[in-house]
């Protein structure tokens, strides 16, 4: 397993854990309708599952760009919904910017892992 793959393995696990804890705190501390969190929890499980499976085969990390893109898309939508000047709440904007940046970094890292796996196999 390359250094990048090892890093992305740990990064994905930490990101998934932080996202799961953050989403759970939001559910408990706000009046968020909990089924709206199901997609986030599915993304967390998928990302963590692929990262854990990558210990047996690093190729599993090459499947994560789609999960990272999904998470980044959710965070992007959440951020700009909150920034809406008419209906936006303006809540947790800084946290969403950090989370979105981390998800984009995860996507870029996952694409690099995917690219290196495909380059090494040809």
PDB file of N, CA and C in Angstrom:
ATOM      1  N   UNK A   1       0.858  -1.176   0.000  1.00  0.00           N
ATOM      2  CA  UNK A   1       0.000   0.000   0.000  1.00  0.00           C
ATOM      3  C   UNK A   1       0.903   1.239   0.000  1.00  0.00           C
ATOM      4  N   UNK A   2       0.638   2.152  -0.906  1.00  0.00           N
ATOM      5  CA  UNK A   2       1.456   3.364  -1.008  1.00  0.00           C
ATOM      6  C   UNK A   2       1.216   4.287   0.186  1.00  0.00           C
ATOM      7  N   UNK A   3       2.107   5.255   0.337  1.00  0.00           N
ATOM      8  CA  UNK A   3       1.941   6.231   1.431  1.00  0.00           C
ATOM      9  C   UNK A   3       0.641   7.018   1.262  1.00  0.00           C
ATOM     10  N   UNK A   4       0.326   7.379   0.017  1.00  0.00           N
ATOM     11  CA  UNK A   4      -0.919   8.108  -0.231  1.00  0.00           C
ATOM     12  C   UNK A   4      -2.129   7.251   0.133  1.00  0.00           C
ATOM     13  N   UNK A   5      -2.088   5.990  -0.241  1.00  0.00           N
ATOM     14  CA  UNK A   5      -3.200   5.087   0.094  1.00  0.00           C
ATOM     15  C   UNK A   5      -3.355   4.937   1.604  1.00  0.00           C
ATOM     16  N   UNK A   6      -2.234   4.811   2.299  1.00  0.00           N
ATOM     17  CA  UNK A   6      -2.291   4.708   3.764  1.00  0.00           C
ATOM     18  C   UNK A   6      -2.872   5.979   4.373  1.00  0.00           C
ATOM     19  N   UNK A   7      -2.411   7.127   3.859  1.00  0.00           N
ATOM     20  CA  UNK A   7      -2.935   8.393   4.366  1.00  0.00           C
ATOM     21  C   UNK A   7      -4.435   8.498   4.103  1.00  0.00           C
ATOM     22  N   UNK A   8      -4.861   8.173   2.882  1.00  0.00           N
ATOM     23  CA  UNK A   8      -6.285   8.292   2.537  1.00  0.00           C
ATOM     24  C   UNK A   8      -7.134   7.298   3.320  1.00  0.00           C
ATOM     25  N   UNK A   9      -6.562   6.145   3.642  1.00  0.00           N
ATOM     26  CA  UNK A   9      -7.263   5.173   4.491  1.00  0.00           C
ATOM     27  C   UNK A   9      -7.602   5.825   5.839  1.00  0.00           C
ATOM     28  N   UNK A  10      -6.581   6.395   6.488  1.00  0.00           N
ATOM     29  CA  UNK A  10      -6.790   7.049   7.782  1.00  0.00           C
ATOM     30  C   UNK A  10      -7.665   8.289   7.669  1.00  0.00           C
ATOM     31  N   UNK A  11      -7.449   9.082   6.627  1.00  0.00           N
ATOM     32  CA  UNK A  11      -8.226  10.309   6.416  1.00  0.00           C
ATOM     33  C   UNK A  11      -9.712   9.984   6.260  1.00  0.00           C
ATOM     34  N   UNK A  12     -10.010   8.950   5.479  1.00  0.00           N
ATOM     35  CA  UNK A  12     -11.406   8.558   5.268  1.00  0.00           C
ATOM     36  C   UNK A  12     -12.052   8.098   6.573  1.00  0.00           C
ATOM     37  N   UNK A  13     -11.313   7.329   7.370  1.00  0.00           N
ATOM     38  CA  UNK A  13     -11.865   6.854   8.641  1.00  0.00           C
ATOM     39  C   UNK A  13     -12.115   8.008   9.618  1.00  0.00           C
ATOM     40  N   UNK A  14     -11.155   8.924   9.707  1.00  0.00           N
ATOM     41  CA  UNK A  14     -11.324  10.070  10.604  1.00  0.00           C
ATOM     42  C   UNK A  14     -12.473  10.955  10.126  1.00  0.00           C
ATOM     43  N   UNK A  15     -12.531  11.227   8.823  1.00  0.00           N
ATOM     44  CA  UNK A  15     -13.598  12.057   8.279  1.00  0.00           C
ATOM     45  C   UNK A  15     -14.964  11.416   8.548  1.00  0.00           C
ATOM     46  N   UNK A  16     -15.064  10.107   8.304  1.00  0.00           N
ATOM     47  CA  UNK A  16     -16.330   9.404   8.527  1.00  0.00           C
ATOM     48  C   UNK A  16     -16.748   9.489   9.999  1.00  0.00           C
ATOM     49  N   UNK A  17     -15.800   9.317  10.900  1.00  0.00           N
ATOM     50  CA  UNK A  17     -16.114   9.389  12.331  1.00  0.00           C
ATOM     51  C   UNK A  17     -16.563  10.789  12.723  1.00  0.00           C
ATOM     52  N   UNK A  18     -15.848  11.808  12.250  1.00  0.00           N
ATOM     53  CA  UNK A  18     -16.211  13.192  12.584  1.00  0.00           C
ATOM     54  C   UNK A  18     -17.584  13.541  12.005  1.00  0.00           C
ATOM     55  N   UNK A  19     -17.836  13.125  10.764  1.00  0.00           N
ATOM     56  CA  UNK A  19     -19.134  13.399  10.149  1.00  0.00           C
ATOM     57  C   UNK A  19     -20.264  12.695  10.904  1.00  0.00           C
ATOM     58  N   UNK A  20     -20.036  11.460  11.330  1.00  0.00           N
ATOM     59  CA  UNK A  20     -21.058  10.726  12.078  1.00  0.00           C
ATOM     60  C   UNK A  20     -21.352  11.402  13.418  1.00  0.00           C
ATOM     61  N   UNK A  21     -20.303  11.787  14.129  1.00  0.00           N
ATOM     62  CA  UNK A  21     -20.486  12.465  15.416  1.00  0.00           C
ATOM     63  C   UNK A  21     -21.183  13.809  15.213  1.00  0.00           C
ATOM     64  N   UNK A  22     -20.722  14.570  14.218  1.00  0.00           N
ATOM     65  CA  UNK A  22     -21.328  15.877  13.949  1.00  0.00           C
ATOM     66  C   UNK A  22     -22.799  15.766  13.591  1.00  0.00           C
ATOM     67  N   UNK A  23     -23.132  14.828  12.736  1.00  0.00           N
ATOM     68  CA  UNK A  23     -24.534  14.650  12.334  1.00  0.00           C
ATOM     69  C   UNK A  23     -25.393  14.222  13.524  1.00  0.00           C
ATOM     70  N   UNK A  24     -24.848  13.368  14.357  1.00  0.00           N
ATOM     71  CA  UNK A  24     -25.582  12.918  15.545  1.00  0.00           C
ATOM     72  C   UNK A  24     -25.818  14.086  16.504  1.00  0.00           C
ATOM     73  N   UNK A  25     -24.810  14.917  16.691  1.00  0.00           N
ATOM     74  CA  UNK A  25     -24.976  16.096  17.559  1.00  0.00           C
ATOM     75  C   UNK A  25     -26.032  17.048  17.008  1.00  0.00           C
ATOM     76  N   UNK A  26     -26.032  17.240  15.688  1.00  0.00           N
ATOM     77  CA  UNK A  26     -27.033  18.111  15.075  1.00  0.00           C
ATOM     78  C   UNK A  26     -28.439  17.563  15.317  1.00  0.00           C
ATOM     79  N   UNK A  27     -28.597  16.264  15.184  1.00  0.00           N
ATOM     80  CA  UNK A  27     -29.916  15.653  15.403  1.00  0.00           C
ATOM     81  C   UNK A  27     -30.372  15.868  16.846  1.00  0.00           C
ATOM     82  N   UNK A  28     -29.474  15.653  17.802  1.00  0.00           N
ATOM     83  CA  UNK A  28     -29.846  15.764  19.202  1.00  0.00           C
ATOM     84  C   UNK A  28     -30.005  17.204  19.681  1.00  0.00           C
ATOM     85  N   UNK A  29     -29.248  18.128  19.098  1.00  0.00           N
ATOM     86  CA  UNK A  29     -29.273  19.507  19.590  1.00  0.00           C
ATOM     87  C   UNK A  29     -30.222  20.427  18.828  1.00  0.00           C
ATOM     88  N   UNK A  30     -30.758  19.966  17.717  1.00  0.00           N
ATOM     89  CA  UNK A  30     -31.690  20.796  16.951  1.00  0.00           C
ATOM     90  C   UNK A  30     -32.974  20.009  16.739  1.00  0.00           C
ATOM     91  N   UNK A  31     -33.886  20.620  16.049  1.00  0.00           N
ATOM     92  CA  UNK A  31     -35.143  19.914  15.762  1.00  0.00           C
ATOM     93  C   UNK A  31     -35.125  19.345  14.341  1.00  0.00           C
ATOM     94  N   UNK A  32     -33.943  18.921  13.870  1.00  0.00           N
ATOM     95  CA  UNK A  32     -33.809  18.357  12.532  1.00  0.00           C
ATOM     96  C   UNK A  32     -34.597  17.062  12.450  1.00  0.00           C
ATOM     97  N   UNK A  33     -35.361  16.940  11.397  1.00  0.00           N
ATOM     98  CA  UNK A  33     -36.121  15.729  11.134  1.00  0.00           C
ATOM     99  C   UNK A  33     -35.131  14.622  10.795  1.00  0.00           C
ATOM    100  N   UNK A  34     -35.007  13.621  11.660  1.00  0.00           N
ATOM    101  CA  UNK A  34     -33.900  12.662  11.583  1.00  0.00           C
ATOM    102  C   UNK A  34     -33.793  11.896  10.260  1.00  0.00           C
ATOM    103  N   UNK A  35     -34.895  11.586   9.547  1.00  0.00           N
ATOM    104  CA  UNK A  35     -34.689  10.874   8.270  1.00  0.00           C
ATOM    105  C   UNK A  35     -33.845  11.666   7.261  1.00  0.00           C
ATOM    106  N   UNK A  36     -33.743  12.973   7.437  1.00  0.00           N
ATOM    107  CA  UNK A  36     -32.897  13.769   6.544  1.00  0.00           C
ATOM    108  C   UNK A  36     -31.421  13.444   6.730  1.00  0.00           C
ATOM    109  N   UNK A  37     -31.081  12.740   7.782  1.00  0.00           N
ATOM    110  CA  UNK A  37     -29.688  12.365   8.049  1.00  0.00           C
ATOM    111  C   UNK A  37     -29.321  11.002   7.490  1.00  0.00           C
ATOM    112  N   UNK A  38     -30.288  10.259   6.997  1.00  0.00           N
ATOM    113  CA  UNK A  38     -29.992   8.906   6.526  1.00  0.00           C
ATOM    114  C   UNK A  38     -28.953   8.883   5.413  1.00  0.00           C
ATOM    115  N   UNK A  39     -29.026   9.823   4.478  1.00  0.00           N
ATOM    116  CA  UNK A  39     -28.035   9.827   3.399  1.00  0.00           C
ATOM    117  C   UNK A  39     -26.634  10.102   3.931  1.00  0.00           C
ATOM    118  N   UNK A  40     -26.544  10.948   4.953  1.00  0.00           N
ATOM    119  CA  UNK A  40     -25.235  11.214   5.553  1.00  0.00           C
ATOM    120  C   UNK A  40     -24.682   9.970   6.241  1.00  0.00           C
ATOM    121  N   UNK A  41     -25.535   9.269   6.965  1.00  0.00           N
ATOM    122  CA  UNK A  41     -25.083   8.054   7.635  1.00  0.00           C
ATOM    123  C   UNK A  41     -24.713   6.960   6.633  1.00  0.00           C
ATOM    124  N   UNK A  42     -25.445   6.861   5.524  1.00  0.00           N
ATOM    125  CA  UNK A  42     -25.086   5.883   4.495  1.00  0.00           C
ATOM    126  C   UNK A  42     -23.737   6.226   3.867  1.00  0.00           C
ATOM    127  N   UNK A  43     -23.487   7.507   3.647  1.00  0.00           N
ATOM    128  CA  UNK A  43     -22.191   7.930   3.112  1.00  0.00           C
ATOM    129  C   UNK A  43     -21.075   7.602   4.100  1.00  0.00           C
ATOM    130  N   UNK A  44     -21.308   7.834   5.394  1.00  0.00           N
ATOM    131  CA  UNK A  44     -20.322   7.526   6.429  1.00  0.00           C
ATOM    132  C   UNK A  44     -20.020   6.026   6.433  1.00  0.00           C
ATOM    133  N   UNK A  45     -21.069   5.211   6.400  1.00  0.00           N
ATOM    134  CA  UNK A  45     -20.862   3.757   6.414  1.00  0.00           C
ATOM    135  C   UNK A  45     -20.124   3.282   5.167  1.00  0.00           C
ATOM    136  N   UNK A  46     -20.471   3.839   4.023  1.00  0.00           N
ATOM    137  CA  UNK A  46     -19.825   3.442   2.770  1.00  0.00           C
ATOM    138  C   UNK A  46     -18.356   3.853   2.770  1.00  0.00           C
ATOM    139  N   UNK A  47     -18.096   5.096   3.160  1.00  0.00           N
ATOM    140  CA  UNK A  47     -16.717   5.588   3.191  1.00  0.00           C
ATOM    141  C   UNK A  47     -15.868   4.785   4.173  1.00  0.00           C
ATOM    142  N   UNK A  48     -16.388   4.571   5.372  1.00  0.00           N
ATOM    143  CA  UNK A  48     -15.647   3.795   6.374  1.00  0.00           C
ATOM    144  C   UNK A  48     -15.485   2.346   5.929  1.00  0.00           C
ATOM    145  N   UNK A  49     -16.518   1.768   5.348  1.00  0.00           N
ATOM    146  CA  UNK A  49     -16.438   0.385   4.882  1.00  0.00           C
ATOM    147  C   UNK A  49     -15.398   0.194   3.793  1.00  0.00           C
ATOM    148  N   UNK A  50     -15.367   1.122   2.828  1.00  0.00           N
ATOM    149  CA  UNK A  50     -14.364   1.035   1.767  1.00  0.00           C
ATOM    150  C   UNK A  50     -12.956   1.246   2.326  1.00  0.00           C
ATOM    151  N   UNK A  51     -12.821   2.162   3.273  1.00  0.00           N
ATOM    152  CA  UNK A  51     -11.504   2.398   3.878  1.00  0.00           C
ATOM    153  C   UNK A  51     -11.037   1.161   4.636  1.00  0.00           C
ATOM    154  N   UNK A  52     -11.929   0.545   5.391  1.00  0.00           N
ATOM    155  CA  UNK A  52     -11.548  -0.667   6.128  1.00  0.00           C
ATOM    156  C   UNK A  52     -11.233  -1.820   5.183  1.00  0.00           C
ATOM    157  N   UNK A  53     -12.019  -1.947   4.121  1.00  0.00           N
ATOM    158  CA  UNK A  53     -11.765  -3.009   3.143  1.00  0.00           C
ATOM    159  C   UNK A  53     -10.451  -2.791   2.402  1.00  0.00           C
ATOM    160  N   UNK A  54      -9.995  -1.546   2.350  1.00  0.00           N
ATOM    161  CA  UNK A  54      -8.748  -1.249   1.637  1.00  0.00           C
ATOM    162  C   UNK A  54      -7.532  -1.850   2.332  1.00  0.00           C
ATOM    163  N   UNK A  55      -7.664  -2.239   3.588  1.00  0.00           N
ATOM    164  CA  UNK A  55      -6.552  -2.910   4.280  1.00  0.00           C
ATOM    165  C   UNK A  55      -6.254  -4.246   3.597  1.00  0.00           C
ATOM    166  N   UNK A  56      -7.315  -4.915   3.122  1.00  0.00           N
ATOM    167  CA  UNK A  56      -7.125  -6.187   2.421  1.00  0.00           C
ATOM    168  C   UNK A  56      -6.731  -5.955   0.968  1.00  0.00           C
ATOM    169  N   UNK A  57      -7.329  -4.935   0.362  1.00  0.00           N
ATOM    170  CA  UNK A  57      -7.012  -4.618  -1.029  1.00  0.00           C
ATOM    171  C   UNK A  57      -7.096  -3.107  -1.219  1.00  0.00           C
ATOM    172  N   UNK A  58      -5.968  -2.463  -1.464  1.00  0.00           N
ATOM    173  CA  UNK A  58      -5.962  -1.006  -1.650  1.00  0.00           C
ATOM    174  C   UNK A  58      -6.871  -0.541  -2.786  1.00  0.00           C
ATOM    175  N   UNK A  59      -7.271  -1.440  -3.656  1.00  0.00           N
ATOM    176  CA  UNK A  59      -8.156  -1.063  -4.755  1.00  0.00           C
ATOM    177  C   UNK A  59      -9.494  -0.509  -4.253  1.00  0.00           C
ATOM    178  N   UNK A  60      -9.896  -0.884  -3.060  1.00  0.00           N
ATOM    179  CA  UNK A  60     -11.159  -0.375  -2.531  1.00  0.00           C
ATOM    180  C   UNK A  60     -11.125   1.143  -2.352  1.00  0.00           C
ATOM    181  N   UNK A  61      -9.956   1.696  -2.044  1.00  0.00           N
ATOM    182  CA  UNK A  61      -9.849   3.157  -1.920  1.00  0.00           C
ATOM    183  C   UNK A  61     -10.129   3.839  -3.248  1.00  0.00           C
ATOM    184  N   UNK A  62      -9.875   3.141  -4.345  1.00  0.00           N
ATOM    185  CA  UNK A  62     -10.125   3.711  -5.664  1.00  0.00           C
ATOM    186  C   UNK A  62     -11.623   3.859  -5.938  1.00  0.00           C
ATOM    187  N   UNK A  63     -12.459   3.243  -5.122  1.00  0.00           N
ATOM    188  CA  UNK A  63     -13.913   3.375  -5.281  1.00  0.00           C
ATOM    189  C   UNK A  63     -14.474   4.588  -4.534  1.00  0.00           C
ATOM    190  N   UNK A  64     -13.654   5.215  -3.711  1.00  0.00           N
ATOM    191  CA  UNK A  64     -14.175   6.284  -2.858  1.00  0.00           C
ATOM    192  C   UNK A  64     -14.412   7.636  -3.515  1.00  0.00           C
ATOM    193  N   UNK A  65     -13.879   7.952  -4.709  1.00  0.00           N
ATOM    194  CA  UNK A  65     -14.171   9.282  -5.254  1.00  0.00           C
ATOM    195  C   UNK A  65     -15.666   9.583  -5.368  1.00  0.00           C
ATOM    196  N   UNK A  66     -16.454   8.587  -5.714  1.00  0.00           N
ATOM    197  CA  UNK A  66     -17.895   8.829  -5.834  1.00  0.00           C
ATOM    198  C   UNK A  66     -18.519   9.144  -4.471  1.00  0.00           C
ATOM    199  N   UNK A  67     -18.042   8.502  -3.422  1.00  0.00           N
ATOM    200  CA  UNK A  67     -18.562   8.783  -2.079  1.00  0.00           C
ATOM    201  C   UNK A  67     -18.143  10.180  -1.639  1.00  0.00           C
ATOM    202  N   UNK A  68     -16.876  10.516  -1.874  1.00  0.00           N
ATOM    203  CA  UNK A  68     -16.398  11.856  -1.525  1.00  0.00           C
ATOM    204  C   UNK A  68     -17.187  12.918  -2.300  1.00  0.00           C
ATOM    205  N   UNK A  69     -17.466  12.665  -3.582  1.00  0.00           N
ATOM    206  CA  UNK A  69     -18.227  13.627  -4.389  1.00  0.00           C
ATOM    207  C   UNK A  69     -19.641  13.780  -3.836  1.00  0.00           C
ATOM    208  N   UNK A  70     -20.248  12.690  -3.421  1.00  0.00           N
ATOM    209  CA  UNK A  70     -21.582  12.744  -2.832  1.00  0.00           C
ATOM    210  C   UNK A  70     -21.580  13.577  -1.555  1.00  0.00           C
ATOM    211  N   UNK A  71     -20.610  13.322  -0.682  1.00  0.00           N
ATOM    212  CA  UNK A  71     -20.512  14.061   0.584  1.00  0.00           C
ATOM    213  C   UNK A  71     -20.269  15.545   0.315  1.00  0.00           C
ATOM    214  N   UNK A  72     -19.349  15.838  -0.609  1.00  0.00           N
ATOM    215  CA  UNK A  72     -19.066  17.245  -0.942  1.00  0.00           C
ATOM    216  C   UNK A  72     -20.308  17.916  -1.517  1.00  0.00           C
ATOM    217  N   UNK A  73     -21.049  17.209  -2.343  1.00  0.00           N
ATOM    218  CA  UNK A  73     -22.284  17.759  -2.905  1.00  0.00           C
ATOM    219  C   UNK A  73     -23.315  18.067  -1.831  1.00  0.00           C
ATOM    220  N   UNK A  74     -23.453  17.158  -0.870  1.00  0.00           N
ATOM    221  CA  UNK A  74     -24.380  17.401   0.244  1.00  0.00           C
ATOM    222  C   UNK A  74     -23.965  18.630   1.049  1.00  0.00           C
ATOM    223  N   UNK A  75     -22.684  18.718   1.349  1.00  0.00           N
ATOM    224  CA  UNK A  75     -22.194  19.847   2.134  1.00  0.00           C
ATOM    225  C   UNK A  75     -22.317  21.157   1.364  1.00  0.00           C
ATOM    226  N   UNK A  76     -22.070  21.118   0.065  1.00  0.00           N
ATOM    227  CA  UNK A  76     -22.218  22.291  -0.794  1.00  0.00           C
ATOM    228  C   UNK A  76     -23.667  22.789  -0.766  1.00  0.00           C
ATOM    229  N   UNK A  77     -24.597  21.856  -0.943  1.00  0.00           N
ATOM    230  CA  UNK A  77     -26.015  22.223  -0.918  1.00  0.00           C
ATOM    231  C   UNK A  77     -26.416  22.788   0.443  1.00  0.00           C
ATOM    232  N   UNK A  78     -25.918  22.161   1.503  1.00  0.00           N
ATOM    233  CA  UNK A  78     -26.224  22.623   2.855  1.00  0.00           C
ATOM    234  C   UNK A  78     -25.690  24.044   3.078  1.00  0.00           C
ATOM    235  N   UNK A  79     -24.464  24.278   2.638  1.00  0.00           N
ATOM    236  CA  UNK A  79     -23.844  25.585   2.817  1.00  0.00           C
ATOM    237  C   UNK A  79     -24.636  26.671   2.100  1.00  0.00           C
ATOM    238  N   UNK A  80     -24.943  26.455   0.838  1.00  0.00           N
ATOM    239  CA  UNK A  80     -25.613  27.506   0.080  1.00  0.00           C
ATOM    240  C   UNK A  80     -27.091  27.630   0.415  1.00  0.00           C
ATOM    241  N   UNK A  81     -27.695  26.586   0.967  1.00  0.00           N
ATOM    242  CA  UNK A  81     -29.057  26.715   1.488  1.00  0.00           C
ATOM    243  C   UNK A  81     -29.047  27.635   2.703  1.00  0.00           C
ATOM    244  N   UNK A  82     -28.034  27.499   3.531  1.00  0.00           N
ATOM    245  CA  UNK A  82     -27.929  28.349   4.721  1.00  0.00           C
ATOM    246  C   UNK A  82     -27.513  29.771   4.382  1.00  0.00           C
ATOM    247  N   UNK A  83     -26.818  29.954   3.259  1.00  0.00           N
ATOM    248  CA  UNK A  83     -26.410  31.291   2.841  1.00  0.00           C
ATOM    249  C   UNK A  83     -27.514  32.029   2.072  1.00  0.00           C
ATOM    250  N   UNK A  84     -28.588  31.336   1.748  1.00  0.00           N
ATOM    251  CA  UNK A  84     -29.701  31.946   1.014  1.00  0.00           C
ATOM    252  C   UNK A  84     -30.158  33.210   1.744  1.00  0.00           C
ATOM    253  N   UNK A  85     -30.120  34.379   1.061  1.00  0.00           N
ATOM    254  CA  UNK A  85     -30.455  35.629   1.749  1.00  0.00           C
ATOM    255  C   UNK A  85     -31.922  35.728   2.186  1.00  0.00           C
ATOM    256  N   UNK A  86     -32.806  34.948   1.598  1.00  0.00           N
ATOM    257  CA  UNK A  86     -34.223  35.028   1.954  1.00  0.00           C
ATOM    258  C   UNK A  86     -34.602  33.992   3.008  1.00  0.00           C
ATOM    259  N   UNK A  87     -34.235  32.736   2.780  1.00  0.00           N
ATOM    260  CA  UNK A  87     -34.676  31.656   3.667  1.00  0.00           C
ATOM    261  C   UNK A  87     -33.549  31.009   4.457  1.00  0.00           C
ATOM    262  N   UNK A  88     -32.317  31.432   4.245  1.00  0.00           N
ATOM    263  CA  UNK A  88     -31.173  30.804   4.908  1.00  0.00           C
ATOM    264  C   UNK A  88     -31.107  31.125   6.389  1.00  0.00           C
ATOM    265  N   UNK A  89     -30.635  30.174   7.155  1.00  0.00           N
ATOM    266  CA  UNK A  89     -30.538  30.349   8.605  1.00  0.00           C
ATOM    267  C   UNK A  89     -29.203  30.963   9.021  1.00  0.00           C
ATOM    268  N   UNK A  90     -28.177  30.811   8.193  1.00  0.00           N
ATOM    269  CA  UNK A  90     -26.855  31.330   8.534  1.00  0.00           C
ATOM    270  C   UNK A  90     -26.161  30.569   9.646  1.00  0.00           C
ATOM    271  N   UNK A  91     -26.684  29.386  10.002  1.00  0.00           N
ATOM    272  CA  UNK A  91     -26.120  28.601  11.100  1.00  0.00           C
ATOM    273  C   UNK A  91     -24.912  27.784  10.652  1.00  0.00           C
ATOM    274  N   UNK A  92     -23.900  27.730  11.473  1.00  0.00           N
ATOM    275  CA  UNK A  92     -22.727  26.866  11.305  1.00  0.00           C
ATOM    276  C   UNK A  92     -22.053  27.010   9.938  1.00  0.00           C
ATOM    277  N   UNK A  93     -21.984  28.238   9.418  1.00  0.00           N
ATOM    278  CA  UNK A  93     -21.384  28.476   8.105  1.00  0.00           C
ATOM    279  C   UNK A  93     -19.893  28.113   8.119  1.00  0.00           C
ATOM    280  N   UNK A  94     -19.166  28.569   9.118  1.00  0.00           N
ATOM    281  CA  UNK A  94     -17.735  28.272   9.200  1.00  0.00           C
ATOM    282  C   UNK A  94     -17.464  26.783   9.249  1.00  0.00           C
ATOM    283  N   UNK A  95     -18.238  26.069  10.033  1.00  0.00           N
ATOM    284  CA  UNK A  95     -18.077  24.621  10.139  1.00  0.00           C
ATOM    285  C   UNK A  95     -18.359  23.942   8.800  1.00  0.00           C
ATOM    286  N   UNK A  96     -19.367  24.414   8.098  1.00  0.00           N
ATOM    287  CA  UNK A  96     -19.682  23.836   6.795  1.00  0.00           C
ATOM    288  C   UNK A  96     -18.577  24.108   5.773  1.00  0.00           C
ATOM    289  N   UNK A  97     -17.968  25.282   5.829  1.00  0.00           N
ATOM    290  CA  UNK A  97     -16.858  25.591   4.921  1.00  0.00           C
ATOM    291  C   UNK A  97     -15.684  24.656   5.194  1.00  0.00           C
ATOM    292  N   UNK A  98     -15.384  24.421   6.464  1.00  0.00           N
ATOM    293  CA  UNK A  98     -14.294  23.504   6.827  1.00  0.00           C
ATOM    294  C   UNK A  98     -14.630  22.083   6.370  1.00  0.00           C
ATOM    295  N   UNK A  99     -15.846  21.636   6.632  1.00  0.00           N
ATOM    296  CA  UNK A  99     -16.245  20.278   6.246  1.00  0.00           C
ATOM    297  C   UNK A  99     -16.229  20.111   4.727  1.00  0.00           C
ATOM    298  N   UNK A 100     -16.722  21.114   4.003  1.00  0.00           N
ATOM    299  CA  UNK A 100     -16.709  21.053   2.546  1.00  0.00           C
ATOM    300  C   UNK A 100     -15.278  21.018   2.020  1.00  0.00           C
ATOM    301  N   UNK A 101     -14.406  21.818   2.594  1.00  0.00           N
ATOM    302  CA  UNK A 101     -12.995  21.822   2.192  1.00  0.00           C
ATOM    303  C   UNK A 101     -12.354  20.457   2.446  1.00  0.00           C
ATOM    304  N   UNK A 102     -12.669  19.862   3.585  1.00  0.00           N
ATOM    305  CA  UNK A 102     -12.126  18.538   3.918  1.00  0.00           C
ATOM    306  C   UNK A 102     -12.653  17.474   2.950  1.00  0.00           C
ATOM    307  N   UNK A 103     -13.921  17.584   2.571  1.00  0.00           N
ATOM    308  CA  UNK A 103     -14.493  16.620   1.628  1.00  0.00           C
ATOM    309  C   UNK A 103     -13.874  16.780   0.239  1.00  0.00           C
ATOM    310  N   UNK A 104     -13.650  18.008  -0.188  1.00  0.00           N
ATOM    311  CA  UNK A 104     -13.004  18.243  -1.490  1.00  0.00           C
ATOM    312  C   UNK A 104     -11.566  17.704  -1.464  1.00  0.00           C
ATOM    313  N   UNK A 105     -10.871  17.905  -0.355  1.00  0.00           N
ATOM    314  CA  UNK A 105      -9.519  17.347  -0.212  1.00  0.00           C
ATOM    315  C   UNK A 105      -9.570  15.819  -0.273  1.00  0.00           C
ATOM    316  N   UNK A 106     -10.569  15.224   0.352  1.00  0.00           N
ATOM    317  CA  UNK A 106     -10.739  13.775   0.293  1.00  0.00           C
ATOM    318  C   UNK A 106     -11.005  13.298  -1.124  1.00  0.00           C
ATOM    319  N   UNK A 107     -11.822  14.045  -1.855  1.00  0.00           N
ATOM    320  CA  UNK A 107     -12.102  13.702  -3.251  1.00  0.00           C
ATOM    321  C   UNK A 107     -10.823  13.748  -4.085  1.00  0.00           C
ATOM    322  N   UNK A 108     -10.051  14.812  -3.916  1.00  0.00           N
ATOM    323  CA  UNK A 108      -8.801  14.959  -4.678  1.00  0.00           C
ATOM    324  C   UNK A 108      -7.833  13.819  -4.333  1.00  0.00           C
ATOM    325  N   UNK A 109      -7.700  13.510  -3.056  1.00  0.00           N
ATOM    326  CA  UNK A 109      -6.835  12.403  -2.648  1.00  0.00           C
ATOM    327  C   UNK A 109      -7.313  11.072  -3.198  1.00  0.00           C
ATOM    328  N   UNK A 110      -8.617  10.861  -3.180  1.00  0.00           N
ATOM    329  CA  UNK A 110      -9.175   9.602  -3.683  1.00  0.00           C
ATOM    330  C   UNK A 110      -8.959   9.473  -5.188  1.00  0.00           C
ATOM    331  N   UNK A 111      -9.091  10.575  -5.917  1.00  0.00           N
ATOM    332  CA  UNK A 111      -8.838  10.545  -7.361  1.00  0.00           C
ATOM    333  C   UNK A 111      -7.365  10.243  -7.631  1.00  0.00           C
ATOM    334  N   UNK A 112      -6.483  10.802  -6.811  1.00  0.00           N
ATOM    335  CA  UNK A 112      -5.044  10.513  -6.978  1.00  0.00           C
ATOM    336  C   UNK A 112      -4.756   9.033  -6.709  1.00  0.00           C
ATOM    337  N   UNK A 113      -5.415   8.452  -5.690  1.00  0.00           N
ATOM    338  CA  UNK A 113      -5.242   7.021  -5.415  1.00  0.00           C
ATOM    339  C   UNK A 113      -5.766   6.210  -6.600  1.00  0.00           C
ATOM    340  N   UNK A 114      -6.929   6.574  -7.091  1.00  0.00           N
ATOM    341  CA  UNK A 114      -7.515   5.880  -8.238  1.00  0.00           C
ATOM    342  C   UNK A 114      -6.577   5.955  -9.445  1.00  0.00           C
ATOM    343  N   UNK A 115      -6.057   7.154  -9.695  1.00  0.00           N
ATOM    344  CA  UNK A 115      -5.152   7.354 -10.828  1.00  0.00           C
ATOM    345  C   UNK A 115      -3.876   6.524 -10.670  1.00  0.00           C
ATOM    346  N   UNK A 116      -3.312   6.532  -9.471  1.00  0.00           N
ATOM    347  CA  UNK A 116      -2.079   5.759  -9.263  1.00  0.00           C
ATOM    348  C   UNK A 116      -2.337   4.265  -9.381  1.00  0.00           C
ATOM    349  N   UNK A 117      -3.498   3.790  -8.946  1.00  0.00           N
ATOM    350  CA  UNK A 117      -3.828   2.372  -9.101  1.00  0.00           C
ATOM    351  C   UNK A 117      -3.973   1.996 -10.575  1.00  0.00           C
ATOM    352  N   UNK A 118      -4.586   2.885 -11.368  1.00  0.00           N
ATOM    353  CA  UNK A 118      -4.764   2.597 -12.781  1.00  0.00           C
ATOM    354  C   UNK A 118      -3.461   2.729 -13.556  1.00  0.00           C
ATOM    355  N   UNK A 119      -2.608   3.662 -13.146  1.00  0.00           N
ATOM    356  CA  UNK A 119      -1.324   3.861 -13.802  1.00  0.00           C
ATOM    357  C   UNK A 119      -0.401   2.666 -13.532  1.00  0.00           C
ATOM    358  N   UNK A 120      -0.421   2.182 -12.290  1.00  0.00           N
ATOM    359  CA  UNK A 120       0.455   1.063 -11.913  1.00  0.00           C
ATOM    360  C   UNK A 120       0.021  -0.259 -12.554  1.00  0.00           C
ATOM    361  N   UNK A 121      -1.246  -0.381 -12.916  1.00  0.00           N
ATOM    362  CA  UNK A 121      -1.760  -1.624 -13.486  1.00  0.00           C
ATOM    363  C   UNK A 121      -1.601  -1.683 -14.992  1.00  0.00           C
ATOM    364  N   UNK A 122      -1.235  -0.602 -15.617  1.00  0.00           N
ATOM    365  CA  UNK A 122      -1.091  -0.586 -17.097  1.00  0.00           C
ATOM    366  C   UNK A 122       0.322  -0.775 -17.531  1.00  0.00           C
TER     367      UNK A 122
END
